[in-house]
PDB file of all heavy atoms in Angstrom:
ATOM      1  N   PRO A   1       0.821  -1.212   0.000  1.00  0.00           N
ATOM      2  CA  PRO A   1       0.000   0.000   0.000  1.00  0.00           C
ATOM      3  C   PRO A   1       0.860   1.269   0.000  1.00  0.00           C
ATOM      4  O   PRO A   1       2.026   1.236   0.385  1.00  0.00           O
ATOM      5  CB  PRO A   1      -0.821  -0.106   1.285  1.00  0.00           C
ATOM      6  CG  PRO A   1      -0.163  -1.147   2.116  1.00  0.00           C
ATOM      7  CD  PRO A   1       0.630  -2.020   1.193  1.00  0.00           C
ATOM      8  N   ASN A   2       0.265   2.365  -0.434  1.00  0.00           N
ATOM      9  CA  ASN A   2       0.917   3.681  -0.475  1.00  0.00           C
ATOM     10  C   ASN A   2       2.142   3.710  -1.379  1.00  0.00           C
ATOM     11  O   ASN A   2       3.074   4.451  -1.140  1.00  0.00           O
ATOM     12  CB  ASN A   2       1.295   4.151   0.941  1.00  0.00           C
ATOM     13  CG  ASN A   2       0.105   4.104   1.880  1.00  0.00           C
ATOM     14  OD1 ASN A   2      -0.998   4.510   1.510  1.00  0.00           O
ATOM     15  ND2 ASN A   2       0.312   3.579   3.067  1.00  0.00           N
ATOM     16  N   THR A   3       2.121   2.855  -2.404  1.00  0.00           N
ATOM     17  CA  THR A   3       3.167   2.885  -3.426  1.00  0.00           C
ATOM     18  C   THR A   3       2.462   2.761  -4.768  1.00  0.00           C
ATOM     19  O   THR A   3       1.261   2.462  -4.818  1.00  0.00           O
ATOM     20  CB  THR A   3       4.149   1.683  -3.300  1.00  0.00           C
ATOM     21  OG1 THR A   3       3.447   0.480  -3.647  1.00  0.00           O
ATOM     22  CG2 THR A   3       4.722   1.556  -1.886  1.00  0.00           C
ATOM     23  N   VAL A   4       3.212   2.969  -5.865  1.00  0.00           N
ATOM     24  CA  VAL A   4       2.621   2.784  -7.201  1.00  0.00           C
ATOM     25  C   VAL A   4       2.249   1.318  -7.433  1.00  0.00           C
ATOM     26  O   VAL A   4       1.520   1.006  -8.369  1.00  0.00           O
ATOM     27  CB  VAL A   4       3.591   3.247  -8.318  1.00  0.00           C
ATOM     28  CG1 VAL A   4       3.771   4.747  -8.292  1.00  0.00           C
ATOM     29  CG2 VAL A   4       4.929   2.535  -8.228  1.00  0.00           C
ATOM     30  N   HIS A   5       2.745   0.433  -6.574  1.00  0.00           N
ATOM     31  CA  HIS A   5       2.496  -1.001  -6.742  1.00  0.00           C
ATOM     32  C   HIS A   5       1.208  -1.462  -6.069  1.00  0.00           C
ATOM     33  O   HIS A   5       0.795  -2.604  -6.238  1.00  0.00           O
ATOM     34  CB  HIS A   5       3.671  -1.801  -6.157  1.00  0.00           C
ATOM     35  CG  HIS A   5       4.995  -1.372  -6.702  1.00  0.00           C
ATOM     36  ND1 HIS A   5       5.409  -1.683  -7.977  1.00  0.00           N
ATOM     37  CD2 HIS A   5       5.979  -0.630  -6.160  1.00  0.00           C
ATOM     38  CE1 HIS A   5       6.604  -1.156  -8.184  1.00  0.00           C
ATOM     39  NE2 HIS A   5       6.970  -0.518  -7.099  1.00  0.00           N
ATOM     40  N   GLU A   6       0.585  -0.576  -5.306  1.00  0.00           N
ATOM     41  CA  GLU A   6      -0.618  -0.936  -4.550  1.00  0.00           C
ATOM     42  C   GLU A   6      -1.678  -1.526  -5.473  1.00  0.00           C
ATOM     43  O   GLU A   6      -1.922  -1.023  -6.570  1.00  0.00           O
ATOM     44  CB  GLU A   6      -1.178   0.306  -3.845  1.00  0.00           C
ATOM     45  CG  GLU A   6      -2.361  -0.013  -2.952  1.00  0.00           C
ATOM     46  CD  GLU A   6      -2.719   1.148  -2.025  1.00  0.00           C
ATOM     47  OE1 GLU A   6      -2.191   2.252  -2.186  1.00  0.00           O
ATOM     48  OE2 GLU A   6      -3.560   0.924  -1.147  1.00  0.00           O
ATOM     49  N   GLY A   7      -2.287  -2.632  -5.025  1.00  0.00           N
ATOM     50  CA  GLY A   7      -3.373  -3.243  -5.800  1.00  0.00           C
ATOM     51  C   GLY A   7      -2.906  -4.112  -6.949  1.00  0.00           C
ATOM     52  O   GLY A   7      -3.707  -4.727  -7.633  1.00  0.00           O
ATOM     53  N   ARG A   8      -1.604  -4.169  -7.183  1.00  0.00           N
ATOM     54  CA  ARG A   8      -1.092  -5.016  -8.262  1.00  0.00           C
ATOM     55  C   ARG A   8      -0.595  -6.333  -7.687  1.00  0.00           C
ATOM     56  O   ARG A   8      -0.129  -6.392  -6.559  1.00  0.00           O
ATOM     57  CB  ARG A   8       0.072  -4.338  -8.984  1.00  0.00           C
ATOM     58  CG  ARG A   8      -0.362  -3.187  -9.855  1.00  0.00           C
ATOM     59  CD  ARG A   8       0.804  -2.645 -10.653  1.00  0.00           C
ATOM     60  NE  ARG A   8       0.336  -1.683 -11.638  1.00  0.00           N
ATOM     61  CZ  ARG A   8       0.882  -1.512 -12.833  1.00  0.00           C
ATOM     62  NH1 ARG A   8       1.932  -2.210 -13.199  1.00  0.00           N
ATOM     63  NH2 ARG A   8       0.392  -0.628 -13.663  1.00  0.00           N
ATOM     64  N   ILE A   9      -0.707  -7.375  -8.487  1.00  0.00           N
ATOM     65  CA  ILE A   9      -0.206  -8.679  -8.087  1.00  0.00           C
ATOM     66  C   ILE A   9       0.921  -9.039  -9.043  1.00  0.00           C
ATOM     67  O   ILE A   9       0.733  -9.052 -10.258  1.00  0.00           O
ATOM     68  CB  ILE A   9      -1.321  -9.746  -8.119  1.00  0.00           C
ATOM     69  CG1 ILE A   9      -2.405  -9.377  -7.099  1.00  0.00           C
ATOM     70  CG2 ILE A   9      -0.747 -11.132  -7.832  1.00  0.00           C
ATOM     71  CD1 ILE A   9      -3.627 -10.266  -7.144  1.00  0.00           C
ATOM     72  N   TYR A  10       2.084  -9.282  -8.466  1.00  0.00           N
ATOM     73  CA  TYR A  10       3.263  -9.584  -9.273  1.00  0.00           C
ATOM     74  C   TYR A  10       3.594 -11.070  -9.195  1.00  0.00           C
ATOM     75  O   TYR A  10       3.690 -11.628  -8.108  1.00  0.00           O
ATOM     76  CB  TYR A  10       4.466  -8.767  -8.784  1.00  0.00           C
ATOM     77  CG  TYR A  10       4.268  -7.289  -8.981  1.00  0.00           C
ATOM     78  CD1 TYR A  10       3.818  -6.487  -7.941  1.00  0.00           C
ATOM     79  CD2 TYR A  10       4.503  -6.705 -10.218  1.00  0.00           C
ATOM     80  CE1 TYR A  10       3.620  -5.129  -8.128  1.00  0.00           C
ATOM     81  CE2 TYR A  10       4.301  -5.340 -10.416  1.00  0.00           C
ATOM     82  CZ  TYR A  10       3.859  -4.558  -9.367  1.00  0.00           C
ATOM     83  OH  TYR A  10       3.657  -3.221  -9.551  1.00  0.00           O
ATOM     84  N   GLN A  11       3.736 -11.690 -10.364  1.00  0.00           N
ATOM     85  CA  GLN A  11       4.132 -13.100 -10.451  1.00  0.00           C
ATOM     86  C   GLN A  11       5.618 -13.162 -10.779  1.00  0.00           C
ATOM     87  O   GLN A  11       6.090 -12.407 -11.628  1.00  0.00           O
ATOM     88  CB  GLN A  11       3.352 -13.809 -11.572  1.00  0.00           C
ATOM     89  CG  GLN A  11       1.867 -13.865 -11.366  1.00  0.00           C
ATOM     90  CD  GLN A  11       1.470 -14.832 -10.260  1.00  0.00           C
ATOM     91  OE1 GLN A  11       2.204 -15.761  -9.940  1.00  0.00           O
ATOM     92  NE2 GLN A  11       0.327 -14.610  -9.659  1.00  0.00           N
ATOM     93  N   LEU A  12       6.311 -14.077 -10.101  1.00  0.00           N
ATOM     94  CA  LEU A  12       7.737 -14.248 -10.339  1.00  0.00           C
ATOM     95  C   LEU A  12       8.055 -15.711 -10.562  1.00  0.00           C
ATOM     96  O   LEU A  12       7.324 -16.586 -10.098  1.00  0.00           O
ATOM     97  CB  LEU A  12       8.565 -13.777  -9.134  1.00  0.00           C
ATOM     98  CG  LEU A  12       8.456 -12.335  -8.698  1.00  0.00           C
ATOM     99  CD1 LEU A  12       7.320 -12.149  -7.716  1.00  0.00           C
ATOM    100  CD2 LEU A  12       9.752 -11.895  -8.067  1.00  0.00           C
ATOM    101  N   LYS A  13       9.155 -15.957 -11.267  1.00  0.00           N
ATOM    102  CA  LYS A  13       9.690 -17.312 -11.420  1.00  0.00           C
ATOM    103  C   LYS A  13      11.008 -17.340 -10.675  1.00  0.00           C
ATOM    104  O   LYS A  13      11.828 -16.446 -10.823  1.00  0.00           O
ATOM    105  CB  LYS A  13       9.966 -17.631 -12.888  1.00  0.00           C
ATOM    106  CG  LYS A  13       8.716 -17.806 -13.709  1.00  0.00           C
ATOM    107  CD  LYS A  13       8.287 -19.248 -13.695  1.00  0.00           C
ATOM    108  CE  LYS A  13       7.085 -19.467 -14.569  1.00  0.00           C
ATOM    109  NZ  LYS A  13       5.972 -20.057 -13.877  1.00  0.00           N
ATOM    110  N   LEU A  14      11.185 -18.390  -9.874  1.00  0.00           N
ATOM    111  CA  LEU A  14      12.455 -18.589  -9.193  1.00  0.00           C
ATOM    112  C   LEU A  14      12.986 -19.935  -9.650  1.00  0.00           C
ATOM    113  O   LEU A  14      12.233 -20.918  -9.711  1.00  0.00           O
ATOM    114  CB  LEU A  14      12.269 -18.584  -7.679  1.00  0.00           C
ATOM    115  CG  LEU A  14      11.741 -17.270  -7.101  1.00  0.00           C
ATOM    116  CD1 LEU A  14      10.257 -17.354  -6.829  1.00  0.00           C
ATOM    117  CD2 LEU A  14      12.486 -16.902  -5.844  1.00  0.00           C
ATOM    118  N   PHE A  15      14.248 -19.956  -9.997  1.00  0.00           N
ATOM    119  CA  PHE A  15      14.841 -21.201 -10.467  1.00  0.00           C
ATOM    120  C   PHE A  15      16.016 -21.556  -9.563  1.00  0.00           C
ATOM    121  O   PHE A  15      16.989 -20.817  -9.482  1.00  0.00           O
ATOM    122  CB  PHE A  15      15.293 -21.082 -11.919  1.00  0.00           C
ATOM    123  CG  PHE A  15      15.801 -22.383 -12.475  1.00  0.00           C
ATOM    124  CD1 PHE A  15      14.903 -23.330 -12.969  1.00  0.00           C
ATOM    125  CD2 PHE A  15      17.155 -22.673 -12.483  1.00  0.00           C
ATOM    126  CE1 PHE A  15      15.363 -24.547 -13.473  1.00  0.00           C
ATOM    127  CE2 PHE A  15      17.625 -23.886 -12.978  1.00  0.00           C
ATOM    128  CZ  PHE A  15      16.725 -24.827 -13.480  1.00  0.00           C
ATOM    129  N   CYS A  16      15.881 -22.675  -8.848  1.00  0.00           N
ATOM    130  CA  CYS A  16      16.922 -23.142  -7.927  1.00  0.00           C
ATOM    131  C   CYS A  16      17.750 -24.196  -8.641  1.00  0.00           C
ATOM    132  O   CYS A  16      17.311 -25.338  -8.777  1.00  0.00           O
ATOM    133  CB  CYS A  16      16.299 -23.736  -6.674  1.00  0.00           C
ATOM    134  SG  CYS A  16      15.323 -22.555  -5.752  1.00  0.00           S
ATOM    135  N   GLY A  17      18.910 -23.814  -9.102  1.00  0.00           N
ATOM    136  CA  GLY A  17      19.795 -24.756  -9.786  1.00  0.00           C
ATOM    137  C   GLY A  17      20.334 -25.805  -8.819  1.00  0.00           C
ATOM    138  O   GLY A  17      20.036 -25.780  -7.628  1.00  0.00           O
ATOM    139  N   LYS A  18      21.155 -26.694  -9.348  1.00  0.00           N
ATOM    140  CA  LYS A  18      21.648 -27.797  -8.507  1.00  0.00           C
ATOM    141  C   LYS A  18      22.540 -27.312  -7.370  1.00  0.00           C
ATOM    142  O   LYS A  18      22.753 -28.035  -6.402  1.00  0.00           O
ATOM    143  CB  LYS A  18      22.340 -28.855  -9.368  1.00  0.00           C
ATOM    144  CG  LYS A  18      23.575 -28.355 -10.101  1.00  0.00           C
ATOM    145  CD  LYS A  18      24.139 -29.468 -10.984  1.00  0.00           C
ATOM    146  CE  LYS A  18      25.392 -29.136 -11.732  1.00  0.00           C
ATOM    147  NZ  LYS A  18      25.844 -27.771 -11.829  1.00  0.00           N
ATOM    148  N   ASP A  19      23.060 -26.089  -7.449  1.00  0.00           N
ATOM    149  CA  ASP A  19      23.928 -25.556  -6.392  1.00  0.00           C
ATOM    150  C   ASP A  19      23.174 -24.795  -5.307  1.00  0.00           C
ATOM    151  O   ASP A  19      23.782 -24.299  -4.364  1.00  0.00           O
ATOM    152  CB  ASP A  19      24.999 -24.634  -6.992  1.00  0.00           C
ATOM    153  CG  ASP A  19      25.956 -25.415  -7.888  1.00  0.00           C
ATOM    154  OD1 ASP A  19      26.211 -26.600  -7.596  1.00  0.00           O
ATOM    155  OD2 ASP A  19      26.431 -24.842  -8.877  1.00  0.00           O
ATOM    156  N   TYR A  20      21.852 -24.672  -5.471  1.00  0.00           N
ATOM    157  CA  TYR A  20      21.059 -24.029  -4.416  1.00  0.00           C
ATOM    158  C   TYR A  20      21.065 -24.945  -3.199  1.00  0.00           C
ATOM    159  O   TYR A  20      20.982 -26.156  -3.368  1.00  0.00           O
ATOM    160  CB  TYR A  20      19.622 -23.807  -4.919  1.00  0.00           C
ATOM    161  CG  TYR A  20      18.733 -23.116  -3.915  1.00  0.00           C
ATOM    162  CD1 TYR A  20      18.738 -21.743  -3.819  1.00  0.00           C
ATOM    163  CD2 TYR A  20      17.921 -23.847  -3.051  1.00  0.00           C
ATOM    164  CE1 TYR A  20      17.926 -21.095  -2.884  1.00  0.00           C
ATOM    165  CE2 TYR A  20      17.121 -23.211  -2.117  1.00  0.00           C
ATOM    166  CZ  TYR A  20      17.130 -21.833  -2.038  1.00  0.00           C
ATOM    167  OH  TYR A  20      16.361 -21.196  -1.114  1.00  0.00           O
ATOM    168  N   PRO A  21      21.162 -24.467  -1.972  1.00  0.00           N
ATOM    169  CA  PRO A  21      21.183 -23.070  -1.514  1.00  0.00           C
ATOM    170  C   PRO A  21      22.578 -22.456  -1.393  1.00  0.00           C
ATOM    171  O   PRO A  21      22.718 -21.374  -0.862  1.00  0.00           O
ATOM    172  CB  PRO A  21      20.536 -23.175  -0.128  1.00  0.00           C
ATOM    173  CG  PRO A  21      20.946 -24.523   0.369  1.00  0.00           C
ATOM    174  CD  PRO A  21      21.033 -25.399  -0.861  1.00  0.00           C
ATOM    175  N   ASP A  22      23.609 -23.128  -1.924  1.00  0.00           N
ATOM    176  CA  ASP A  22      24.947 -22.520  -1.878  1.00  0.00           C
ATOM    177  C   ASP A  22      25.042 -21.336  -2.823  1.00  0.00           C
ATOM    178  O   ASP A  22      25.787 -20.394  -2.597  1.00  0.00           O
ATOM    179  CB  ASP A  22      26.016 -23.561  -2.205  1.00  0.00           C
ATOM    180  CG  ASP A  22      26.071 -24.659  -1.145  1.00  0.00           C
ATOM    181  OD1 ASP A  22      26.070 -24.320   0.055  1.00  0.00           O
ATOM    182  OD2 ASP A  22      26.074 -25.844  -1.511  1.00  0.00           O
ATOM    183  N   LYS A  23      24.289 -21.406  -3.912  1.00  0.00           N
ATOM    184  CA  LYS A  23      24.222 -20.293  -4.858  1.00  0.00           C
ATOM    185  C   LYS A  23      22.771 -19.833  -4.913  1.00  0.00           C
ATOM    186  O   LYS A  23      21.858 -20.639  -4.764  1.00  0.00           O
ATOM    187  CB  LYS A  23      24.671 -20.763  -6.238  1.00  0.00           C
ATOM    188  CG  LYS A  23      26.112 -21.251  -6.262  1.00  0.00           C
ATOM    189  CD  LYS A  23      26.835 -20.721  -7.478  1.00  0.00           C
ATOM    190  CE  LYS A  23      28.335 -20.857  -7.362  1.00  0.00           C
ATOM    191  NZ  LYS A  23      28.776 -22.253  -7.464  1.00  0.00           N
ATOM    192  N   PRO A  24      22.561 -18.546  -5.155  1.00  0.00           N
ATOM    193  CA  PRO A  24      21.178 -18.037  -5.153  1.00  0.00           C
ATOM    194  C   PRO A  24      20.385 -18.553  -6.351  1.00  0.00           C
ATOM    195  O   PRO A  24      20.966 -18.919  -7.364  1.00  0.00           O
ATOM    196  CB  PRO A  24      21.366 -16.523  -5.260  1.00  0.00           C
ATOM    197  CG  PRO A  24      22.677 -16.338  -5.939  1.00  0.00           C
ATOM    198  CD  PRO A  24      23.534 -17.498  -5.482  1.00  0.00           C
ATOM    199  N   PRO A  25      19.058 -18.563  -6.207  1.00  0.00           N
ATOM    200  CA  PRO A  25      18.233 -18.905  -7.368  1.00  0.00           C
ATOM    201  C   PRO A  25      18.240 -17.735  -8.347  1.00  0.00           C
ATOM    202  O   PRO A  25      18.585 -16.616  -7.971  1.00  0.00           O
ATOM    203  CB  PRO A  25      16.838 -19.073  -6.758  1.00  0.00           C
ATOM    204  CG  PRO A  25      16.844 -18.207  -5.544  1.00  0.00           C
ATOM    205  CD  PRO A  25      18.255 -18.224  -5.027  1.00  0.00           C
ATOM    206  N   SER A  26      17.890 -18.009  -9.595  1.00  0.00           N
ATOM    207  CA  SER A  26      17.660 -16.882 -10.498  1.00  0.00           C
ATOM    208  C   SER A  26      16.217 -16.453 -10.263  1.00  0.00           C
ATOM    209  O   SER A  26      15.342 -17.278 -10.007  1.00  0.00           O
ATOM    210  CB  SER A  26      17.901 -17.279 -11.949  1.00  0.00           C
ATOM    211  OG  SER A  26      17.022 -18.299 -12.325  1.00  0.00           O
ATOM    212  N   VAL A  27      15.994 -15.152 -10.297  1.00  0.00           N
ATOM    213  CA  VAL A  27      14.685 -14.599  -9.975  1.00  0.00           C
ATOM    214  C   VAL A  27      14.261 -13.700 -11.126  1.00  0.00           C
ATOM    215  O   VAL A  27      15.029 -12.853 -11.587  1.00  0.00           O
ATOM    216  CB  VAL A  27      14.743 -13.772  -8.659  1.00  0.00           C
ATOM    217  CG1 VAL A  27      13.363 -13.264  -8.291  1.00  0.00           C
ATOM    218  CG2 VAL A  27      15.341 -14.604  -7.530  1.00  0.00           C
ATOM    219  N   LYS A  28      13.025 -13.895 -11.586  1.00  0.00           N
ATOM    220  CA  LYS A  28      12.550 -13.158 -12.747  1.00  0.00           C
ATOM    221  C   LYS A  28      11.083 -12.796 -12.563  1.00  0.00           C
ATOM    222  O   LYS A  28      10.275 -13.665 -12.229  1.00  0.00           O
ATOM    223  CB  LYS A  28      12.738 -14.060 -13.962  1.00  0.00           C
ATOM    224  CG  LYS A  28      12.513 -13.404 -15.276  1.00  0.00           C
ATOM    225  CD  LYS A  28      12.869 -14.381 -16.388  1.00  0.00           C
ATOM    226  CE  LYS A  28      12.691 -13.726 -17.722  1.00  0.00           C
ATOM    227  NZ  LYS A  28      13.067 -14.592 -18.820  1.00  0.00           N
ATOM    228  N   PHE A  29      10.751 -11.531 -12.759  1.00  0.00           N
ATOM    229  CA  PHE A  29       9.346 -11.115 -12.723  1.00  0.00           C
ATOM    230  C   PHE A  29       8.677 -11.537 -14.018  1.00  0.00           C
ATOM    231  O   PHE A  29       9.172 -11.247 -15.101  1.00  0.00           O
ATOM    232  CB  PHE A  29       9.237  -9.585 -12.579  1.00  0.00           C
ATOM    233  CG  PHE A  29       9.350  -9.094 -11.168  1.00  0.00           C
ATOM    234  CD1 PHE A  29      10.595  -8.853 -10.598  1.00  0.00           C
ATOM    235  CD2 PHE A  29       8.213  -8.863 -10.399  1.00  0.00           C
ATOM    236  CE1 PHE A  29      10.710  -8.399  -9.287  1.00  0.00           C
ATOM    237  CE2 PHE A  29       8.313  -8.414  -9.088  1.00  0.00           C
ATOM    238  CZ  PHE A  29       9.568  -8.171  -8.535  1.00  0.00           C
ATOM    239  N   GLN A  30       7.522 -12.223 -13.896  1.00  0.00           N
ATOM    240  CA  GLN A  30       6.701 -12.556 -15.062  1.00  0.00           C
ATOM    241  C   GLN A  30       5.814 -11.351 -15.386  1.00  0.00           C
ATOM    242  O   GLN A  30       5.507 -11.094 -16.535  1.00  0.00           O
ATOM    243  CB  GLN A  30       5.807 -13.760 -14.775  1.00  0.00           C
ATOM    244  CG  GLN A  30       6.533 -15.012 -14.388  1.00  0.00           C
ATOM    245  CD  GLN A  30       7.286 -15.607 -15.559  1.00  0.00           C
ATOM    246  OE1 GLN A  30       8.476 -15.367 -15.711  1.00  0.00           O
ATOM    247  NE2 GLN A  30       6.608 -16.362 -16.376  1.00  0.00           N
ATOM    248  N   THR A  31       5.393 -10.665 -14.333  1.00  0.00           N
ATOM    249  CA  THR A  31       4.585  -9.460 -14.471  1.00  0.00           C
ATOM    250  C   THR A  31       5.541  -8.307 -14.737  1.00  0.00           C
ATOM    251  O   THR A  31       6.574  -8.194 -14.083  1.00  0.00           O
ATOM    252  CB  THR A  31       3.829  -9.172 -13.146  1.00  0.00           C
ATOM    253  OG1 THR A  31       3.197 -10.373 -12.705  1.00  0.00           O
ATOM    254  CG2 THR A  31       2.794  -8.073 -13.328  1.00  0.00           C
ATOM    255  N   ARG A  32       5.183  -7.450 -15.690  1.00  0.00           N
ATOM    256  CA  ARG A  32       6.065  -6.319 -15.981  1.00  0.00           C
ATOM    257  C   ARG A  32       6.106  -5.377 -14.791  1.00  0.00           C
ATOM    258  O   ARG A  32       5.080  -5.090 -14.174  1.00  0.00           O
ATOM    259  CB  ARG A  32       5.585  -5.599 -17.243  1.00  0.00           C
ATOM    260  CG  ARG A  32       5.725  -6.503 -18.459  1.00  0.00           C
ATOM    261  CD  ARG A  32       5.509  -5.777 -19.749  1.00  0.00           C
ATOM    262  NE  ARG A  32       6.343  -4.582 -19.802  1.00  0.00           N
ATOM    263  CZ  ARG A  32       6.116  -3.556 -20.621  1.00  0.00           C
ATOM    264  NH1 ARG A  32       5.100  -3.586 -21.428  1.00  0.00           N
ATOM    265  NH2 ARG A  32       6.895  -2.506 -20.618  1.00  0.00           N
ATOM    266  N   ILE A  33       7.313  -4.914 -14.463  1.00  0.00           N
ATOM    267  CA  ILE A  33       7.482  -4.014 -13.329  1.00  0.00           C
ATOM    268  C   ILE A  33       8.674  -3.102 -13.601  1.00  0.00           C
ATOM    269  O   ILE A  33       9.634  -3.505 -14.250  1.00  0.00           O
ATOM    270  CB  ILE A  33       7.695  -4.799 -12.007  1.00  0.00           C
ATOM    271  CG1 ILE A  33       7.696  -3.851 -10.799  1.00  0.00           C
ATOM    272  CG2 ILE A  33       8.966  -5.633 -12.066  1.00  0.00           C
ATOM    273  CD1 ILE A  33       7.663  -4.557  -9.451  1.00  0.00           C
ATOM    274  N   ASN A  34       8.562  -1.872 -13.140  1.00  0.00           N
ATOM    275  CA  ASN A  34       9.663  -0.936 -13.228  1.00  0.00           C
ATOM    276  C   ASN A  34      10.228  -0.791 -11.819  1.00  0.00           C
ATOM    277  O   ASN A  34       9.585  -0.238 -10.938  1.00  0.00           O
ATOM    278  CB  ASN A  34       9.165   0.411 -13.760  1.00  0.00           C
ATOM    279  CG  ASN A  34      10.296   1.396 -13.980  1.00  0.00           C
ATOM    280  OD1 ASN A  34      11.468   1.048 -13.900  1.00  0.00           O
ATOM    281  ND2 ASN A  34       9.931   2.632 -14.262  1.00  0.00           N
ATOM    282  N   MET A  35      11.428  -1.344 -11.599  1.00  0.00           N
ATOM    283  CA  MET A  35      12.098  -1.307 -10.298  1.00  0.00           C
ATOM    284  C   MET A  35      13.589  -1.194 -10.534  1.00  0.00           C
ATOM    285  O   MET A  35      14.100  -1.743 -11.516  1.00  0.00           O
ATOM    286  CB  MET A  35      11.815  -2.623  -9.558  1.00  0.00           C
ATOM    287  CG  MET A  35      11.024  -2.493  -8.294  1.00  0.00           C
ATOM    288  SD  MET A  35      10.668  -4.133  -7.619  1.00  0.00           S
ATOM    289  CE  MET A  35      11.749  -4.125  -6.206  1.00  0.00           C
ATOM    290  N   SER A  36      14.289  -0.544  -9.623  1.00  0.00           N
ATOM    291  CA  SER A  36      15.718  -0.290  -9.820  1.00  0.00           C
ATOM    292  C   SER A  36      16.567  -1.558  -9.952  1.00  0.00           C
ATOM    293  O   SER A  36      17.618  -1.526 -10.561  1.00  0.00           O
ATOM    294  CB  SER A  36      16.257   0.586  -8.693  1.00  0.00           C
ATOM    295  OG  SER A  36      16.016  -0.034  -7.440  1.00  0.00           O
ATOM    296  N   CYS A  37      16.100  -2.692  -9.419  1.00  0.00           N
ATOM    297  CA  CYS A  37      16.914  -3.920  -9.479  1.00  0.00           C
ATOM    298  C   CYS A  37      16.453  -4.888 -10.570  1.00  0.00           C
ATOM    299  O   CYS A  37      16.971  -5.990 -10.675  1.00  0.00           O
ATOM    300  CB  CYS A  37      16.906  -4.620  -8.118  1.00  0.00           C
ATOM    301  SG  CYS A  37      15.265  -5.191  -7.609  1.00  0.00           S
ATOM    302  N   VAL A  38      15.466  -4.468 -11.378  1.00  0.00           N
ATOM    303  CA  VAL A  38      14.884  -5.384 -12.374  1.00  0.00           C
ATOM    304  C   VAL A  38      15.200  -4.914 -13.787  1.00  0.00           C
ATOM    305  O   VAL A  38      15.037  -3.743 -14.115  1.00  0.00           O
ATOM    306  CB  VAL A  38      13.342  -5.484 -12.182  1.00  0.00           C
ATOM    307  CG1 VAL A  38      12.719  -6.381 -13.242  1.00  0.00           C
ATOM    308  CG2 VAL A  38      13.010  -5.996 -10.791  1.00  0.00           C
ATOM    309  N   ASN A  39      15.662  -5.831 -14.617  1.00  0.00           N
ATOM    310  CA  ASN A  39      15.920  -5.554 -16.020  1.00  0.00           C
ATOM    311  C   ASN A  39      14.566  -5.373 -16.721  1.00  0.00           C
ATOM    312  O   ASN A  39      13.755  -6.304 -16.745  1.00  0.00           O
ATOM    313  CB  ASN A  39      16.700  -6.722 -16.623  1.00  0.00           C
ATOM    314  CG  ASN A  39      16.992  -6.538 -18.091  1.00  0.00           C
ATOM    315  OD1 ASN A  39      16.134  -6.127 -18.867  1.00  0.00           O
ATOM    316  ND2 ASN A  39      18.205  -6.857 -18.473  1.00  0.00           N
ATOM    317  N   LEU A  40      14.333  -4.182 -17.271  1.00  0.00           N
ATOM    318  CA  LEU A  40      13.028  -3.880 -17.890  1.00  0.00           C
ATOM    319  C   LEU A  40      12.720  -4.781 -19.078  1.00  0.00           C
ATOM    320  O   LEU A  40      11.570  -5.094 -19.341  1.00  0.00           O
ATOM    321  CB  LEU A  40      12.974  -2.417 -18.329  1.00  0.00           C
ATOM    322  CG  LEU A  40      12.400  -1.434 -17.315  1.00  0.00           C
ATOM    323  CD1 LEU A  40      12.494  -0.007 -17.831  1.00  0.00           C
ATOM    324  CD2 LEU A  40      10.967  -1.773 -16.952  1.00  0.00           C
ATOM    325  N   GLU A  41      13.761  -5.189 -19.819  1.00  0.00           N
ATOM    326  CA  GLU A  41      13.559  -6.027 -21.000  1.00  0.00           C
ATOM    327  C   GLU A  41      13.143  -7.449 -20.615  1.00  0.00           C
ATOM    328  O   GLU A  41      12.201  -7.995 -21.169  1.00  0.00           O
ATOM    329  CB  GLU A  41      14.862  -6.124 -21.817  1.00  0.00           C
ATOM    330  CG  GLU A  41      15.319  -4.803 -22.403  1.00  0.00           C
ATOM    331  CD  GLU A  41      14.353  -4.293 -23.453  1.00  0.00           C
ATOM    332  OE1 GLU A  41      14.114  -5.022 -24.440  1.00  0.00           O
ATOM    333  OE2 GLU A  41      13.834  -3.176 -23.280  1.00  0.00           O
ATOM    334  N   THR A  42      13.883  -8.042 -19.666  1.00  0.00           N
ATOM    335  CA  THR A  42      13.717  -9.470 -19.378  1.00  0.00           C
ATOM    336  C   THR A  42      12.918  -9.755 -18.110  1.00  0.00           C
ATOM    337  O   THR A  42      12.453 -10.875 -17.911  1.00  0.00           O
ATOM    338  CB  THR A  42      15.088 -10.144 -19.211  1.00  0.00           C
ATOM    339  OG1 THR A  42      15.722  -9.576 -18.054  1.00  0.00           O
ATOM    340  CG2 THR A  42      15.967  -9.937 -20.434  1.00  0.00           C
ATOM    341  N   GLY A  43      12.814  -8.762 -17.212  1.00  0.00           N
ATOM    342  CA  GLY A  43      12.148  -8.997 -15.938  1.00  0.00           C
ATOM    343  C   GLY A  43      13.064  -9.626 -14.894  1.00  0.00           C
ATOM    344  O   GLY A  43      12.658  -9.864 -13.761  1.00  0.00           O
ATOM    345  N   ALA A  44      14.313  -9.897 -15.277  1.00  0.00           N
ATOM    346  CA  ALA A  44      15.247 -10.550 -14.353  1.00  0.00           C
ATOM    347  C   ALA A  44      15.655  -9.592 -13.239  1.00  0.00           C
ATOM    348  O   ALA A  44      15.913  -8.408 -13.482  1.00  0.00           O
ATOM    349  CB  ALA A  44      16.479 -11.032 -15.103  1.00  0.00           C
TER     350      ALA A  44
END
């Protein structure tokens, strides 16, 4: 609430490779979002 994201539902894909949890999963927004840590083209 009280952000531009209020009322939106964001879907993400997380992929845990064979090295998880020693290495982080890859994280990708399926829902388009504009955020400083997200690649606008790919959602990653």
